[in-house]
Amino acid sequence: MHEAPRSGDARCPGVVLLHGIARTSASLTKLERALRAAGFATLNIDYPSRKKPIVALADDLHPAISRFAERDAPLHFVAHSMGGLVARAYVAKHRPARLGSVVMLGTPNGGSEVADLLSGSRLYRALYGPAGLELTTELRPDALPSLDYPVGVIAGSRFIDPIAGLFVLPTPNDGRVSVQSALLAGMADHIVVKTSHTGLPRHAAAIAQTIAFLREGRFQPR
């Protein structure tokens, strides 16, 4: 696990950024820069997303996040794709004392039909590991607990892969996760942005809406 350099002083609200499966912290660089410019301190972490189950990944992140949380300011989470599930698992087990809000971009809270289709293949299991098998729509006995903190959900509605977008996923979808699957019972607000799954963390509107939710607890009307 690589801990990216921190930015901001101890008085600034902190944001932990968590990338998706098979991605790195570099995929959140544009979003991180915007958060810093908006006055947030950031911790953008690389973690071995394909090596362990989601709860174990959350445990691995705990030392770095707990050090970052030693500040007299709220601590938020902004997460792309599976990173949102890691954030939920982390809060459930290691809830920060000054927990603020969580923003999820394209997180498969209800699972992904793409994972349903591919999870039986050896190639999928080799590429995405134990966490990849937890991205299906099948209900699991270790389901994450219900929300008791503010969560904002940003979903995408455009896709690049026409097979997944047209024939595998319910519409609308971002090519990996449907809008319906991104929604979460108990969320404070949600919004749909016209971009693909991989484009969400780089999309100007998604970035602006992320900052708006962290500041106001709701997304800006469109």
Protein backbone atom coordinates (compact mmCIF):
# COMPACT_ATOMS: atom_id res chain seq x y z
CA MET A 1 0.00 0.00 0.00
CA HIS A 2 1.32 3.43 -0.95
CA GLU A 3 0.32 6.48 1.05
CA ALA A 4 0.32 9.55 -1.16
CA PRO A 5 1.68 12.83 0.26
CA ARG A 6 -0.80 14.69 2.42
CA SER A 7 -1.80 18.24 1.76
CA GLY A 8 -3.35 20.96 3.93
CA ASP A 9 -2.94 21.88 7.57
CA ALA A 10 -4.65 20.43 10.62
CA ARG A 11 -7.42 23.03 10.54
CA CYS A 12 -8.67 22.12 7.07
CA PRO A 13 -11.39 19.47 6.66
CA GLY A 14 -9.75 16.24 5.55
CA VAL A 15 -10.72 14.01 2.64
CA VAL A 16 -9.61 10.40 2.22
CA LEU A 17 -9.73 9.39 -1.46
CA LEU A 18 -10.20 5.72 -2.32
CA HIS A 19 -9.81 4.44 -5.88
CA GLY A 20 -11.69 1.54 -7.45
CA ILE A 21 -10.66 -2.02 -8.13
CA ALA A 22 -7.64 -2.47 -10.41
CA ARG A 23 -7.03 1.28 -10.33
CA THR A 24 -4.50 3.48 -8.51
CA SER A 25 -4.48 6.80 -6.71
CA ALA A 26 -3.47 8.42 -10.01
CA SER A 27 -7.03 7.89 -11.26
CA LEU A 28 -8.17 10.42 -8.64
CA THR A 29 -5.47 13.03 -9.24
CA LYS A 30 -7.73 15.58 -10.95
CA LEU A 31 -10.36 15.23 -8.24
CA GLU A 32 -7.71 15.52 -5.53
CA ARG A 33 -6.31 18.72 -7.01
CA ALA A 34 -9.79 20.25 -7.11
CA LEU A 35 -10.39 19.32 -3.47
CA ARG A 36 -7.11 20.91 -2.43
CA ALA A 37 -7.96 24.09 -4.36
CA ALA A 38 -11.31 24.15 -2.55
CA GLY A 39 -9.59 24.14 0.84
CA PHE A 40 -9.59 20.48 1.80
CA ALA A 41 -6.62 18.49 3.04
CA THR A 42 -6.31 15.19 1.18
CA LEU A 43 -5.01 11.68 1.64
CA ASN A 44 -5.01 9.75 -1.65
CA ILE A 45 -4.06 6.14 -0.98
CA ASP A 46 -2.95 3.30 -3.22
CA TYR A 47 -4.08 -0.07 -1.87
CA PRO A 48 -3.95 -3.65 -3.24
CA SER A 49 -7.57 -3.73 -4.39
CA ARG A 50 -7.29 -7.13 -6.10
CA LYS A 51 -5.51 -9.02 -3.32
CA LYS A 52 -7.99 -9.26 -0.43
CA PRO A 53 -11.70 -9.11 0.46
CA ILE A 54 -13.20 -5.67 1.00
CA VAL A 55 -13.23 -5.78 4.80
CA ALA A 56 -9.58 -6.85 4.88
CA LEU A 57 -8.69 -3.97 2.57
CA ALA A 58 -10.41 -1.57 4.98
CA ASP A 59 -8.34 -3.00 7.83
CA ASP A 60 -5.13 -2.49 5.84
CA LEU A 61 -6.02 1.17 5.31
CA HIS A 62 -6.66 1.84 8.98
CA PRO A 63 -3.13 2.85 10.09
CA ALA A 64 -2.75 5.51 7.38
CA ILE A 65 -6.27 6.86 7.80
CA SER A 66 -6.06 6.96 11.58
CA ARG A 67 -2.88 9.00 11.38
CA PHE A 68 -4.51 11.40 8.94
CA ALA A 69 -7.57 11.62 11.23
CA GLU A 70 -5.47 13.03 14.09
CA ARG A 71 -6.57 16.55 13.24
CA ASP A 72 -9.05 18.98 14.72
CA ALA A 73 -11.34 18.90 11.69
CA PRO A 74 -14.03 16.73 10.05
CA LEU A 75 -12.87 13.73 8.05
CA HIS A 76 -14.69 12.97 4.80
CA PHE A 77 -14.36 10.13 2.31
CA VAL A 78 -14.60 10.44 -1.48
CA ALA A 79 -14.51 7.13 -3.30
CA HIS A 80 -14.78 5.83 -6.85
CA SER A 81 -16.40 2.52 -7.75
CA MET A 82 -15.46 -0.28 -5.31
CA GLY A 83 -13.68 2.31 -3.18
CA GLY A 84 -17.12 3.31 -1.90
CA LEU A 85 -17.67 -0.19 -0.54
CA VAL A 86 -14.24 -0.05 1.11
CA ALA A 87 -15.22 3.28 2.66
CA ARG A 88 -18.45 1.81 4.01
CA ALA A 89 -16.57 -1.17 5.44
CA TYR A 90 -14.00 1.15 6.99
CA VAL A 91 -16.59 3.36 8.68
CA ALA A 92 -18.45 0.29 9.96
CA LYS A 93 -15.34 -1.07 11.68
CA HIS A 94 -13.05 1.92 12.30
CA ARG A 95 -15.43 4.89 12.42
CA PRO A 96 -13.43 8.15 12.78
CA ALA A 97 -14.36 10.32 15.76
CA ARG A 98 -14.93 13.34 13.52
CA LEU A 99 -16.59 11.55 10.61
CA GLY A 100 -18.09 13.95 8.10
CA SER A 101 -19.65 12.88 4.81
CA VAL A 102 -19.03 10.19 2.22
CA VAL A 103 -19.34 10.81 -1.53
CA MET A 104 -19.51 7.76 -3.79
CA LEU A 105 -18.91 7.97 -7.54
CA GLY A 106 -20.21 4.96 -9.47
CA THR A 107 -20.12 2.64 -6.46
CA PRO A 108 -21.93 -0.69 -7.06
CA ASN A 109 -23.88 -0.61 -3.81
CA GLY A 110 -26.34 -3.12 -5.25
CA GLY A 111 -23.67 -5.01 -7.18
CA SER A 112 -22.96 -5.14 -10.89
CA GLU A 113 -24.50 -7.44 -13.47
CA VAL A 114 -21.16 -7.30 -15.30
CA ALA A 115 -19.57 -8.99 -12.27
CA ASP A 116 -22.44 -11.51 -12.27
CA LEU A 117 -21.66 -12.41 -15.87
CA LEU A 118 -17.88 -12.66 -15.51
CA SER A 119 -17.34 -13.89 -11.94
CA GLY A 120 -17.40 -17.54 -12.97
CA SER A 121 -14.43 -17.17 -15.30
CA ARG A 122 -10.88 -17.95 -14.21
CA LEU A 123 -9.60 -14.83 -15.94
CA TYR A 124 -11.95 -12.58 -13.96
CA ARG A 125 -10.98 -14.24 -10.68
CA ALA A 126 -7.29 -13.91 -11.53
CA LEU A 127 -7.61 -10.25 -12.51
CA TYR A 128 -9.93 -9.03 -9.75
CA GLY A 129 -9.32 -11.44 -6.89
CA PRO A 130 -11.46 -11.85 -3.76
CA ALA A 131 -12.87 -8.31 -3.83
CA GLY A 132 -14.02 -8.78 -7.43
CA LEU A 133 -16.22 -11.67 -6.33
CA GLU A 134 -17.91 -9.35 -3.83
CA LEU A 135 -19.13 -7.03 -6.60
CA THR A 136 -21.94 -9.29 -7.81
CA THR A 137 -25.62 -8.57 -7.19
CA GLU A 138 -25.95 -11.63 -4.94
CA LEU A 139 -26.91 -10.71 -1.39
CA ARG A 140 -24.26 -11.75 1.13
CA PRO A 141 -24.62 -12.55 4.82
CA ASP A 142 -21.80 -10.08 5.62
CA ALA A 143 -23.69 -7.20 3.98
CA LEU A 144 -22.55 -3.78 5.11
CA PRO A 145 -24.64 -2.09 7.82
CA SER A 146 -27.23 0.58 7.09
CA LEU A 147 -26.17 4.21 6.97
CA ASP A 148 -26.14 6.55 9.95
CA TYR A 149 -23.93 9.23 8.36
CA PRO A 150 -24.41 11.50 5.32
CA VAL A 151 -23.78 9.82 1.97
CA GLY A 152 -24.05 11.44 -1.45
CA VAL A 153 -24.21 9.20 -4.52
CA ILE A 154 -23.07 10.30 -7.97
CA ALA A 155 -23.95 7.91 -10.80
CA GLY A 156 -22.95 7.96 -14.46
CA SER A 157 -25.36 7.53 -17.36
CA ARG A 158 -23.09 7.10 -20.39
CA PHE A 159 -21.14 4.03 -21.43
CA ILE A 160 -18.22 3.22 -23.70
CA ASP A 161 -18.73 -0.55 -23.97
CA PRO A 162 -21.94 -1.06 -25.98
CA ILE A 163 -22.28 -4.74 -25.05
CA ALA A 164 -22.34 -4.12 -21.29
CA GLY A 165 -24.22 -0.85 -21.64
CA LEU A 166 -26.95 -2.17 -23.92
CA PHE A 167 -27.26 -5.89 -23.17
CA VAL A 168 -25.92 -6.64 -19.68
CA LEU A 169 -26.76 -3.71 -17.42
CA PRO A 170 -30.15 -2.12 -16.74
CA THR A 171 -30.42 1.35 -18.24
CA PRO A 172 -29.37 3.99 -17.52
CA ASN A 173 -25.83 2.90 -16.64
CA ASP A 174 -22.19 3.95 -16.90
CA GLY A 175 -20.98 0.78 -18.60
CA ARG A 176 -20.10 -0.95 -15.34
CA VAL A 177 -22.76 0.04 -12.80
CA SER A 178 -26.40 0.95 -13.34
CA VAL A 179 -27.84 4.10 -11.81
CA GLN A 180 -30.25 1.97 -9.79
CA SER A 181 -27.41 -0.13 -8.36
CA ALA A 182 -25.45 2.95 -7.34
CA LEU A 183 -28.33 4.18 -5.17
CA LEU A 184 -28.30 3.31 -1.49
CA ALA A 185 -31.04 3.21 1.14
CA GLY A 186 -30.57 6.03 3.61
CA MET A 187 -28.42 8.20 1.33
CA ALA A 188 -28.75 11.94 1.86
CA ASP A 189 -28.83 12.86 -1.84
CA HIS A 190 -28.02 11.53 -5.31
CA ILE A 191 -27.37 12.91 -8.76
CA VAL A 192 -26.77 11.51 -12.25
CA VAL A 193 -23.94 12.84 -14.44
CA LYS A 194 -23.59 12.20 -18.17
CA THR A 195 -20.29 10.36 -18.16
CA SER A 196 -18.87 6.83 -18.10
CA HIS A 197 -17.70 4.79 -15.14
CA THR A 198 -14.01 5.57 -15.59
CA GLY A 199 -14.81 9.18 -16.47
CA LEU A 200 -16.65 9.97 -13.23
CA PRO A 201 -13.63 11.06 -11.13
CA ARG A 202 -12.42 13.34 -13.93
CA HIS A 203 -15.75 14.85 -14.98
CA ALA A 204 -16.04 18.57 -14.17
CA ALA A 205 -19.66 18.35 -13.03
CA ALA A 206 -18.99 15.31 -10.84
CA ILE A 207 -16.04 17.08 -9.21
CA ALA A 208 -18.06 20.26 -8.59
CA GLN A 209 -20.92 18.25 -7.14
CA THR A 210 -18.54 16.33 -4.87
CA ILE A 211 -17.25 19.58 -3.41
CA ALA A 212 -20.79 20.92 -3.04
CA PHE A 213 -21.89 17.87 -1.07
CA LEU A 214 -18.88 18.01 1.25
CA ARG A 215 -19.63 21.65 1.98
CA GLU A 216 -23.42 21.67 2.10
CA GLY A 217 -24.53 18.07 2.61
CA ARG A 218 -26.46 18.11 -0.67
CA PHE A 219 -25.84 18.37 -4.38
CA GLN A 220 -26.48 21.55 -6.36
CA PRO A 221 -29.76 21.65 -8.31
CA ARG A 222 -29.30 21.26 -12.06
